[in-house]
Amino acid sequence: MHKEKHNTEAVLCEMSTFFKILSDKTRLRILTELLEGSLCVNHICERLGMSQSAISHQLALLRKADLVRVTRKGKTVVYSISDEHVRLMLDMALLHACEEK
């Protein structure tokens, strides 16, 4: 893509929203758990020690931002990272945060 296409107002707005969603520690905790594999809400609640309503609220925001996807397995709703682009961004952020300074 050409640089001009990257700097459109719509693209910059989308990028800004993406980083705002990622700026919340709880949402990052959820996403890093999902890096290990798909999980239902109850398992995310157990791992993070948070209520179902709190987790469900954050998952709704992540879903709206296209960072997680939902699949149904019977009556169970399972969440996972939406695609490899999101996985790559999270992996890179983790590498950067963990590198020795």
PDB file of N, CA and C in Angstrom:
ATOM      1  N   MET A   1       0.827  -1.195   0.000  1.00  0.00           N
ATOM      2  CA  MET A   1       0.000   0.000   0.000  1.00  0.00           C
ATOM      3  C   MET A   1       0.861   1.245   0.000  1.00  0.00           C
ATOM      4  N   HIS A   2       0.345   2.247  -0.607  1.00  0.00           N
ATOM      5  CA  HIS A   2       1.048   3.517  -0.624  1.00  0.00           C
ATOM      6  C   HIS A   2       0.801   4.266   0.675  1.00  0.00           C
ATOM      7  N   LYS A   3       1.775   5.082   1.031  1.00  0.00           N
ATOM      8  CA  LYS A   3       1.685   5.843   2.273  1.00  0.00           C
ATOM      9  C   LYS A   3       0.407   6.678   2.339  1.00  0.00           C
ATOM     10  N   GLU A   4      -0.017   7.238   1.201  1.00  0.00           N
ATOM     11  CA  GLU A   4      -1.218   8.085   1.195  1.00  0.00           C
ATOM     12  C   GLU A   4      -2.434   7.302   1.671  1.00  0.00           C
ATOM     13  N   LYS A   5      -2.520   6.027   1.329  1.00  0.00           N
ATOM     14  CA  LYS A   5      -3.657   5.211   1.728  1.00  0.00           C
ATOM     15  C   LYS A   5      -3.656   4.936   3.231  1.00  0.00           C
ATOM     16  N   HIS A   6      -2.488   4.935   3.845  1.00  0.00           N
ATOM     17  CA  HIS A   6      -2.373   4.685   5.281  1.00  0.00           C
ATOM     18  C   HIS A   6      -2.775   5.901   6.115  1.00  0.00           C
ATOM     19  N   ASN A   7      -2.681   7.074   5.534  1.00  0.00           N
ATOM     20  CA  ASN A   7      -2.911   8.293   6.295  1.00  0.00           C
ATOM     21  C   ASN A   7      -4.297   8.887   6.106  1.00  0.00           C
ATOM     22  N   THR A   8      -5.218   8.121   5.571  1.00  0.00           N
ATOM     23  CA  THR A   8      -6.570   8.657   5.438  1.00  0.00           C
ATOM     24  C   THR A   8      -7.185   8.796   6.830  1.00  0.00           C
ATOM     25  N   GLU A   9      -8.117   9.686   6.952  1.00  0.00           N
ATOM     26  CA  GLU A   9      -8.762   9.929   8.239  1.00  0.00           C
ATOM     27  C   GLU A   9      -9.427   8.664   8.779  1.00  0.00           C
ATOM     28  N   ALA A  10     -10.062   7.891   7.894  1.00  0.00           N
ATOM     29  CA  ALA A  10     -10.747   6.670   8.324  1.00  0.00           C
ATOM     30  C   ALA A  10      -9.760   5.634   8.867  1.00  0.00           C
ATOM     31  N   VAL A  11      -8.632   5.480   8.199  1.00  0.00           N
ATOM     32  CA  VAL A  11      -7.632   4.512   8.652  1.00  0.00           C
ATOM     33  C   VAL A  11      -7.032   4.945   9.983  1.00  0.00           C
ATOM     34  N   LEU A  12      -6.710   6.212  10.112  1.00  0.00           N
ATOM     35  CA  LEU A  12      -6.144   6.713  11.367  1.00  0.00           C
ATOM     36  C   LEU A  12      -7.142   6.586  12.508  1.00  0.00           C
ATOM     37  N   CYS A  13      -8.403   6.817  12.229  1.00  0.00           N
ATOM     38  CA  CYS A  13      -9.450   6.666  13.245  1.00  0.00           C
ATOM     39  C   CYS A  13      -9.550   5.202  13.682  1.00  0.00           C
ATOM     40  N   GLU A  14      -9.511   4.293  12.729  1.00  0.00           N
ATOM     41  CA  GLU A  14      -9.560   2.855  13.028  1.00  0.00           C
ATOM     42  C   GLU A  14      -8.357   2.427  13.878  1.00  0.00           C
ATOM     43  N   MET A  15      -7.187   2.931  13.536  1.00  0.00           N
ATOM     44  CA  MET A  15      -5.985   2.614  14.309  1.00  0.00           C
ATOM     45  C   MET A  15      -6.089   3.161  15.725  1.00  0.00           C
ATOM     46  N   SER A  16      -6.589   4.363  15.865  1.00  0.00           N
ATOM     47  CA  SER A  16      -6.749   4.971  17.175  1.00  0.00           C
ATOM     48  C   SER A  16      -7.688   4.146  18.046  1.00  0.00           C
ATOM     49  N   THR A  17      -8.791   3.705  17.484  1.00  0.00           N
ATOM     50  CA  THR A  17      -9.742   2.862  18.213  1.00  0.00           C
ATOM     51  C   THR A  17      -9.090   1.559  18.634  1.00  0.00           C
ATOM     52  N   PHE A  18      -8.330   0.963  17.741  1.00  0.00           N
ATOM     53  CA  PHE A  18      -7.613  -0.285  18.026  1.00  0.00           C
ATOM     54  C   PHE A  18      -6.713  -0.120  19.256  1.00  0.00           C
ATOM     55  N   PHE A  19      -5.912   0.936  19.277  1.00  0.00           N
ATOM     56  CA  PHE A  19      -5.003   1.144  20.398  1.00  0.00           C
ATOM     57  C   PHE A  19      -5.742   1.531  21.684  1.00  0.00           C
ATOM     58  N   LYS A  20      -6.862   2.221  21.576  1.00  0.00           N
ATOM     59  CA  LYS A  20      -7.661   2.529  22.766  1.00  0.00           C
ATOM     60  C   LYS A  20      -8.186   1.252  23.402  1.00  0.00           C
ATOM     61  N   ILE A  21      -8.662   0.336  22.583  1.00  0.00           N
ATOM     62  CA  ILE A  21      -9.160  -0.947  23.094  1.00  0.00           C
ATOM     63  C   ILE A  21      -8.025  -1.697  23.791  1.00  0.00           C
ATOM     64  N   LEU A  22      -6.857  -1.682  23.205  1.00  0.00           N
ATOM     65  CA  LEU A  22      -5.718  -2.398  23.782  1.00  0.00           C
ATOM     66  C   LEU A  22      -5.115  -1.696  24.992  1.00  0.00           C
ATOM     67  N   SER A  23      -5.523  -0.480  25.272  1.00  0.00           N
ATOM     68  CA  SER A  23      -4.916   0.263  26.383  1.00  0.00           C
ATOM     69  C   SER A  23      -5.463  -0.137  27.752  1.00  0.00           C
ATOM     70  N   ASP A  24      -6.448  -1.014  27.783  1.00  0.00           N
ATOM     71  CA  ASP A  24      -7.043  -1.443  29.048  1.00  0.00           C
ATOM     72  C   ASP A  24      -6.381  -2.744  29.526  1.00  0.00           C
ATOM     73  N   LYS A  25      -5.902  -2.753  30.771  1.00  0.00           N
ATOM     74  CA  LYS A  25      -5.176  -3.911  31.304  1.00  0.00           C
ATOM     75  C   LYS A  25      -6.047  -5.172  31.360  1.00  0.00           C
ATOM     76  N   THR A  26      -7.309  -5.036  31.707  1.00  0.00           N
ATOM     77  CA  THR A  26      -8.192  -6.199  31.776  1.00  0.00           C
ATOM     78  C   THR A  26      -8.373  -6.820  30.396  1.00  0.00           C
ATOM     79  N   ARG A  27      -8.577  -5.978  29.388  1.00  0.00           N
ATOM     80  CA  ARG A  27      -8.724  -6.512  28.034  1.00  0.00           C
ATOM     81  C   ARG A  27      -7.439  -7.176  27.579  1.00  0.00           C
ATOM     82  N   LEU A  28      -6.301  -6.614  27.927  1.00  0.00           N
ATOM     83  CA  LEU A  28      -5.023  -7.247  27.579  1.00  0.00           C
ATOM     84  C   LEU A  28      -4.858  -8.589  28.286  1.00  0.00           C
ATOM     85  N   ARG A  29      -5.295  -8.663  29.540  1.00  0.00           N
ATOM     86  CA  ARG A  29      -5.230  -9.935  30.272  1.00  0.00           C
ATOM     87  C   ARG A  29      -6.088 -10.993  29.579  1.00  0.00           C
ATOM     88  N   ILE A  30      -7.273 -10.601  29.155  1.00  0.00           N
ATOM     89  CA  ILE A  30      -8.150 -11.535  28.438  1.00  0.00           C
ATOM     90  C   ILE A  30      -7.482 -11.990  27.146  1.00  0.00           C
ATOM     91  N   LEU A  31      -6.967 -11.049  26.386  1.00  0.00           N
ATOM     92  CA  LEU A  31      -6.338 -11.397  25.105  1.00  0.00           C
ATOM     93  C   LEU A  31      -5.118 -12.289  25.288  1.00  0.00           C
ATOM     94  N   THR A  32      -4.313 -12.039  26.308  1.00  0.00           N
ATOM     95  CA  THR A  32      -3.141 -12.893  26.513  1.00  0.00           C
ATOM     96  C   THR A  32      -3.557 -14.301  26.936  1.00  0.00           C
ATOM     97  N   GLU A  33      -4.651 -14.432  27.660  1.00  0.00           N
ATOM     98  CA  GLU A  33      -5.178 -15.769  27.971  1.00  0.00           C
ATOM     99  C   GLU A  33      -5.632 -16.471  26.690  1.00  0.00           C
ATOM    100  N   LEU A  34      -6.261 -15.720  25.809  1.00  0.00           N
ATOM    101  CA  LEU A  34      -6.749 -16.301  24.559  1.00  0.00           C
ATOM    102  C   LEU A  34      -5.628 -16.642  23.588  1.00  0.00           C
ATOM    103  N   LEU A  35      -4.445 -16.054  23.789  1.00  0.00           N
ATOM    104  CA  LEU A  35      -3.302 -16.440  22.962  1.00  0.00           C
ATOM    105  C   LEU A  35      -2.966 -17.917  23.146  1.00  0.00           C
ATOM    106  N   GLU A  36      -3.273 -18.449  24.322  1.00  0.00           N
ATOM    107  CA  GLU A  36      -2.986 -19.858  24.617  1.00  0.00           C
ATOM    108  C   GLU A  36      -4.029 -20.796  24.033  1.00  0.00           C
ATOM    109  N   GLY A  37      -5.186 -20.258  23.638  1.00  0.00           N
ATOM    110  CA  GLY A  37      -6.229 -21.078  23.045  1.00  0.00           C
ATOM    111  C   GLY A  37      -7.608 -20.543  23.373  1.00  0.00           C
ATOM    112  N   SER A  38      -8.603 -21.097  22.719  1.00  0.00           N
ATOM    113  CA  SER A  38      -9.989 -20.681  22.895  1.00  0.00           C
ATOM    114  C   SER A  38     -10.475 -20.990  24.307  1.00  0.00           C
ATOM    115  N   LEU A  39     -11.324 -20.088  24.835  1.00  0.00           N
ATOM    116  CA  LEU A  39     -11.858 -20.250  26.182  1.00  0.00           C
ATOM    117  C   LEU A  39     -13.304 -19.788  26.243  1.00  0.00           C
ATOM    118  N   CYS A  40     -14.074 -20.406  27.133  1.00  0.00           N
ATOM    119  CA  CYS A  40     -15.432 -19.909  27.404  1.00  0.00           C
ATOM    120  C   CYS A  40     -15.332 -18.844  28.507  1.00  0.00           C
ATOM    121  N   VAL A  41     -16.392 -18.098  28.689  1.00  0.00           N
ATOM    122  CA  VAL A  41     -16.407 -17.006  29.668  1.00  0.00           C
ATOM    123  C   VAL A  41     -16.058 -17.508  31.062  1.00  0.00           C
ATOM    124  N   ASN A  42     -16.620 -18.641  31.467  1.00  0.00           N
ATOM    125  CA  ASN A  42     -16.357 -19.160  32.815  1.00  0.00           C
ATOM    126  C   ASN A  42     -14.877 -19.423  33.052  1.00  0.00           C
ATOM    127  N   HIS A  43     -14.201 -19.977  32.057  1.00  0.00           N
ATOM    128  CA  HIS A  43     -12.771 -20.244  32.212  1.00  0.00           C
ATOM    129  C   HIS A  43     -11.960 -18.950  32.282  1.00  0.00           C
ATOM    130  N   ILE A  44     -12.358 -17.959  31.507  1.00  0.00           N
ATOM    131  CA  ILE A  44     -11.674 -16.664  31.571  1.00  0.00           C
ATOM    132  C   ILE A  44     -11.884 -16.048  32.956  1.00  0.00           C
ATOM    133  N   CYS A  45     -13.107 -16.134  33.480  1.00  0.00           N
ATOM    134  CA  CYS A  45     -13.410 -15.608  34.819  1.00  0.00           C
ATOM    135  C   CYS A  45     -12.535 -16.270  35.873  1.00  0.00           C
ATOM    136  N   GLU A  46     -12.415 -17.583  35.801  1.00  0.00           N
ATOM    137  CA  GLU A  46     -11.589 -18.329  36.764  1.00  0.00           C
ATOM    138  C   GLU A  46     -10.132 -17.902  36.682  1.00  0.00           C
ATOM    139  N   ARG A  47      -9.604 -17.810  35.477  1.00  0.00           N
ATOM    140  CA  ARG A  47      -8.190 -17.465  35.296  1.00  0.00           C
ATOM    141  C   ARG A  47      -7.873 -16.047  35.751  1.00  0.00           C
ATOM    142  N   LEU A  48      -8.821 -15.126  35.548  1.00  0.00           N
ATOM    143  CA  LEU A  48      -8.569 -13.730  35.901  1.00  0.00           C
ATOM    144  C   LEU A  48      -9.113 -13.359  37.267  1.00  0.00           C
ATOM    145  N   GLY A  49      -9.906 -14.246  37.878  1.00  0.00           N
ATOM    146  CA  GLY A  49     -10.477 -13.956  39.185  1.00  0.00           C
ATOM    147  C   GLY A  49     -11.453 -12.795  39.150  1.00  0.00           C
ATOM    148  N   MET A  50     -12.263 -12.750  38.108  1.00  0.00           N
ATOM    149  CA  MET A  50     -13.216 -11.646  37.939  1.00  0.00           C
ATOM    150  C   MET A  50     -14.607 -12.204  37.715  1.00  0.00           C
ATOM    151  N   SER A  51     -15.614 -11.352  37.884  1.00  0.00           N
ATOM    152  CA  SER A  51     -17.007 -11.772  37.712  1.00  0.00           C
ATOM    153  C   SER A  51     -17.340 -11.979  36.238  1.00  0.00           C
ATOM    154  N   GLN A  52     -18.381 -12.764  36.017  1.00  0.00           N
ATOM    155  CA  GLN A  52     -18.819 -13.029  34.648  1.00  0.00           C
ATOM    156  C   GLN A  52     -19.306 -11.753  33.963  1.00  0.00           C
ATOM    157  N   SER A  53     -19.997 -10.905  34.700  1.00  0.00           N
ATOM    158  CA  SER A  53     -20.500  -9.674  34.079  1.00  0.00           C
ATOM    159  C   SER A  53     -19.352  -8.758  33.646  1.00  0.00           C
ATOM    160  N   ALA A  54     -18.309  -8.671  34.469  1.00  0.00           N
ATOM    161  CA  ALA A  54     -17.155  -7.832  34.120  1.00  0.00           C
ATOM    162  C   ALA A  54     -16.446  -8.366  32.882  1.00  0.00           C
ATOM    163  N   ILE A  55     -16.252  -9.678  32.838  1.00  0.00           N
ATOM    164  CA  ILE A  55     -15.575 -10.297  31.691  1.00  0.00           C
ATOM    165  C   ILE A  55     -16.439 -10.179  30.441  1.00  0.00           C
ATOM    166  N   SER A  56     -17.729 -10.439  30.570  1.00  0.00           N
ATOM    167  CA  SER A  56     -18.632 -10.354  29.427  1.00  0.00           C
ATOM    168  C   SER A  56     -18.644  -8.949  28.825  1.00  0.00           C
ATOM    169  N   HIS A  57     -18.610  -7.938  29.686  1.00  0.00           N
ATOM    170  CA  HIS A  57     -18.565  -6.553  29.204  1.00  0.00           C
ATOM    171  C   HIS A  57     -17.311  -6.305  28.376  1.00  0.00           C
ATOM    172  N   GLN A  58     -16.169  -6.745  28.885  1.00  0.00           N
ATOM    173  CA  GLN A  58     -14.901  -6.551  28.163  1.00  0.00           C
ATOM    174  C   GLN A  58     -14.869  -7.358  26.862  1.00  0.00           C
ATOM    175  N   LEU A  59     -15.397  -8.575  26.904  1.00  0.00           N
ATOM    176  CA  LEU A  59     -15.444  -9.399  25.692  1.00  0.00           C
ATOM    177  C   LEU A  59     -16.325  -8.755  24.624  1.00  0.00           C
ATOM    178  N   ALA A  60     -17.407  -8.119  25.035  1.00  0.00           N
ATOM    179  CA  ALA A  60     -18.276  -7.431  24.075  1.00  0.00           C
ATOM    180  C   ALA A  60     -17.516  -6.308  23.363  1.00  0.00           C
ATOM    181  N   LEU A  61     -16.705  -5.570  24.107  1.00  0.00           N
ATOM    182  CA  LEU A  61     -15.897  -4.505  23.499  1.00  0.00           C
ATOM    183  C   LEU A  61     -14.846  -5.086  22.558  1.00  0.00           C
ATOM    184  N   LEU A  62     -14.203  -6.177  22.974  1.00  0.00           N
ATOM    185  CA  LEU A  62     -13.200  -6.825  22.128  1.00  0.00           C
ATOM    186  C   LEU A  62     -13.829  -7.400  20.860  1.00  0.00           C
ATOM    187  N   ARG A  63     -15.012  -7.914  21.012  1.00  0.00           N
ATOM    188  CA  ARG A  63     -15.733  -8.470  19.861  1.00  0.00           C
ATOM    189  C   ARG A  63     -16.133  -7.361  18.891  1.00  0.00           C
ATOM    190  N   LYS A  64     -16.649  -6.259  19.412  1.00  0.00           N
ATOM    191  CA  LYS A  64     -17.039  -5.116  18.579  1.00  0.00           C
ATOM    192  C   LYS A  64     -15.840  -4.564  17.808  1.00  0.00           C
ATOM    193  N   ALA A  65     -14.668  -4.624  18.417  1.00  0.00           N
ATOM    194  CA  ALA A  65     -13.444  -4.134  17.780  1.00  0.00           C
ATOM    195  C   ALA A  65     -12.809  -5.182  16.868  1.00  0.00           C
ATOM    196  N   ASP A  66     -13.447  -6.320  16.706  1.00  0.00           N
ATOM    197  CA  ASP A  66     -12.959  -7.408  15.850  1.00  0.00           C
ATOM    198  C   ASP A  66     -11.647  -8.026  16.342  1.00  0.00           C
ATOM    199  N   LEU A  67     -11.409  -7.987  17.635  1.00  0.00           N
ATOM    200  CA  LEU A  67     -10.189  -8.574  18.181  1.00  0.00           C
ATOM    201  C   LEU A  67     -10.408 -10.005  18.656  1.00  0.00           C
ATOM    202  N   VAL A  68     -11.647 -10.360  18.953  1.00  0.00           N
ATOM    203  CA  VAL A  68     -11.970 -11.738  19.310  1.00  0.00           C
ATOM    204  C   VAL A  68     -13.153 -12.194  18.449  1.00  0.00           C
ATOM    205  N   ARG A  69     -13.246 -13.499  18.284  1.00  0.00           N
ATOM    206  CA  ARG A  69     -14.391 -14.065  17.575  1.00  0.00           C
ATOM    207  C   ARG A  69     -15.085 -15.057  18.486  1.00  0.00           C
ATOM    208  N   VAL A  70     -16.319 -15.324  18.160  1.00  0.00           N
ATOM    209  CA  VAL A  70     -17.162 -16.191  18.978  1.00  0.00           C
ATOM    210  C   VAL A  70     -17.599 -17.387  18.150  1.00  0.00           C
ATOM    211  N   THR A  71     -17.528 -18.560  18.776  1.00  0.00           N
ATOM    212  CA  THR A  71     -18.100 -19.763  18.178  1.00  0.00           C
ATOM    213  C   THR A  71     -18.938 -20.450  19.244  1.00  0.00           C
ATOM    214  N   ARG A  72     -19.913 -21.181  18.807  1.00  0.00           N
ATOM    215  CA  ARG A  72     -20.774 -21.919  19.737  1.00  0.00           C
ATOM    216  C   ARG A  72     -20.443 -23.397  19.662  1.00  0.00           C
ATOM    217  N   LYS A  73     -20.324 -23.990  20.836  1.00  0.00           N
ATOM    218  CA  LYS A  73     -20.149 -25.438  20.956  1.00  0.00           C
ATOM    219  C   LYS A  73     -21.288 -25.913  21.841  1.00  0.00           C
ATOM    220  N   GLY A  74     -22.397 -26.268  21.199  1.00  0.00           N
ATOM    221  CA  GLY A  74     -23.598 -26.603  21.961  1.00  0.00           C
ATOM    222  C   GLY A  74     -24.137 -25.344  22.602  1.00  0.00           C
ATOM    223  N   LYS A  75     -24.297 -25.388  23.915  1.00  0.00           N
ATOM    224  CA  LYS A  75     -24.783 -24.213  24.654  1.00  0.00           C
ATOM    225  C   LYS A  75     -23.643 -23.294  25.085  1.00  0.00           C
ATOM    226  N   THR A  76     -22.420 -23.739  24.892  1.00  0.00           N
ATOM    227  CA  THR A  76     -21.260 -22.979  25.341  1.00  0.00           C
ATOM    228  C   THR A  76     -20.775 -22.015  24.261  1.00  0.00           C
ATOM    229  N   VAL A  77     -20.526 -20.782  24.664  1.00  0.00           N
ATOM    230  CA  VAL A  77     -19.959 -19.769  23.777  1.00  0.00           C
ATOM    231  C   VAL A  77     -18.453 -19.729  24.045  1.00  0.00           C
ATOM    232  N   VAL A  78     -17.684 -19.874  22.980  1.00  0.00           N
ATOM    233  CA  VAL A  78     -16.231 -19.937  23.106  1.00  0.00           C
ATOM    234  C   VAL A  78     -15.611 -18.742  22.378  1.00  0.00           C
ATOM    235  N   TYR A  79     -14.640 -18.111  23.043  1.00  0.00           N
ATOM    236  CA  TYR A  79     -13.965 -16.942  22.486  1.00  0.00           C
ATOM    237  C   TYR A  79     -12.544 -17.313  22.072  1.00  0.00           C
ATOM    238  N   SER A  80     -12.079 -16.681  20.991  1.00  0.00           N
ATOM    239  CA  SER A  80     -10.709 -16.875  20.532  1.00  0.00           C
ATOM    240  C   SER A  80     -10.221 -15.588  19.870  1.00  0.00           C
ATOM    241  N   ILE A  81      -8.918 -15.508  19.663  1.00  0.00           N
ATOM    242  CA  ILE A  81      -8.325 -14.380  18.949  1.00  0.00           C
ATOM    243  C   ILE A  81      -8.900 -14.383  17.527  1.00  0.00           C
ATOM    244  N   SER A  82      -9.274 -13.222  17.021  1.00  0.00           N
ATOM    245  CA  SER A  82     -10.001 -13.173  15.749  1.00  0.00           C
ATOM    246  C   SER A  82      -9.185 -13.602  14.536  1.00  0.00           C
ATOM    247  N   ASP A  83      -7.907 -13.239  14.487  1.00  0.00           N
ATOM    248  CA  ASP A  83      -7.098 -13.637  13.330  1.00  0.00           C
ATOM    249  C   ASP A  83      -5.612 -13.510  13.647  1.00  0.00           C
ATOM    250  N   GLU A  84      -4.805 -13.893  12.675  1.00  0.00           N
ATOM    251  CA  GLU A  84      -3.356 -13.885  12.878  1.00  0.00           C
ATOM    252  C   GLU A  84      -2.776 -12.481  13.017  1.00  0.00           C
ATOM    253  N   HIS A  85      -3.428 -11.480  12.447  1.00  0.00           N
ATOM    254  CA  HIS A  85      -2.940 -10.103  12.613  1.00  0.00           C
ATOM    255  C   HIS A  85      -2.997  -9.686  14.072  1.00  0.00           C
ATOM    256  N   VAL A  86      -4.081 -10.005  14.733  1.00  0.00           N
ATOM    257  CA  VAL A  86      -4.236  -9.664  16.153  1.00  0.00           C
ATOM    258  C   VAL A  86      -3.227 -10.462  16.972  1.00  0.00           C
ATOM    259  N   ARG A  87      -3.101 -11.746  16.674  1.00  0.00           N
ATOM    260  CA  ARG A  87      -2.130 -12.596  17.381  1.00  0.00           C
ATOM    261  C   ARG A  87      -0.716 -12.039  17.229  1.00  0.00           C
ATOM    262  N   LEU A  88      -0.351 -11.636  16.029  1.00  0.00           N
ATOM    263  CA  LEU A  88       0.980 -11.085  15.771  1.00  0.00           C
ATOM    264  C   LEU A  88       1.212  -9.796  16.551  1.00  0.00           C
ATOM    265  N   MET A  89       0.218  -8.904  16.573  1.00  0.00           N
ATOM    266  CA  MET A  89       0.347  -7.649  17.329  1.00  0.00           C
ATOM    267  C   MET A  89       0.553  -7.919  18.817  1.00  0.00           C
ATOM    268  N   LEU A  90      -0.219  -8.853  19.355  1.00  0.00           N
ATOM    269  CA  LEU A  90      -0.098  -9.181  20.777  1.00  0.00           C
ATOM    270  C   LEU A  90       1.244  -9.843  21.073  1.00  0.00           C
ATOM    271  N   ASP A  91       1.664 -10.754  20.208  1.00  0.00           N
ATOM    272  CA  ASP A  91       2.972 -11.402  20.380  1.00  0.00           C
ATOM    273  C   ASP A  91       4.104 -10.377  20.359  1.00  0.00           C
ATOM    274  N   MET A  92       4.036  -9.424  19.438  1.00  0.00           N
ATOM    275  CA  MET A  92       5.074  -8.397  19.339  1.00  0.00           C
ATOM    276  C   MET A  92       5.071  -7.499  20.578  1.00  0.00           C
ATOM    277  N   ALA A  93       3.884  -7.146  21.061  1.00  0.00           N
ATOM    278  CA  ALA A  93       3.786  -6.317  22.271  1.00  0.00           C
ATOM    279  C   ALA A  93       4.366  -7.056  23.468  1.00  0.00           C
ATOM    280  N   LEU A  94       4.081  -8.353  23.572  1.00  0.00           N
ATOM    281  CA  LEU A  94       4.640  -9.154  24.669  1.00  0.00           C
ATOM    282  C   LEU A  94       6.154  -9.223  24.576  1.00  0.00           C
ATOM    283  N   LEU A  95       6.671  -9.469  23.379  1.00  0.00           N
ATOM    284  CA  LEU A  95       8.127  -9.515  23.198  1.00  0.00           C
ATOM    285  C   LEU A  95       8.761  -8.189  23.598  1.00  0.00           C
ATOM    286  N   HIS A  96       8.170  -7.105  23.169  1.00  0.00           N
ATOM    287  CA  HIS A  96       8.720  -5.783  23.476  1.00  0.00           C
ATOM    288  C   HIS A  96       8.691  -5.517  24.987  1.00  0.00           C
ATOM    289  N   ALA A  97       7.573  -5.862  25.642  1.00  0.00           N
ATOM    290  CA  ALA A  97       7.433  -5.617  27.077  1.00  0.00           C
ATOM    291  C   ALA A  97       8.391  -6.482  27.902  1.00  0.00           C
ATOM    292  N   CYS A  98       8.736  -7.662  27.393  1.00  0.00           N
ATOM    293  CA  CYS A  98       9.572  -8.605  28.156  1.00  0.00           C
ATOM    294  C   CYS A  98      11.063  -8.508  27.838  1.00  0.00           C
ATOM    295  N   GLU A  99      11.417  -7.737  26.813  1.00  0.00           N
ATOM    296  CA  GLU A  99      12.836  -7.671  26.457  1.00  0.00           C
ATOM    297  C   GLU A  99      13.620  -6.941  27.548  1.00  0.00           C
ATOM    298  N   GLU A 100      14.855  -7.374  27.693  1.00  0.00           N
ATOM    299  CA  GLU A 100      15.703  -6.757  28.709  1.00  0.00           C
ATOM    300  C   GLU A 100      16.091  -5.366  28.269  1.00  0.00           C
ATOM    301  N   LYS A 101      16.023  -4.466  29.203  1.00  0.00           N
ATOM    302  CA  LYS A 101      16.337  -3.053  28.913  1.00  0.00           C
ATOM    303  C   LYS A 101      17.763  -2.766  29.280  1.00  0.00           C
TER     304      LYS A 101
END
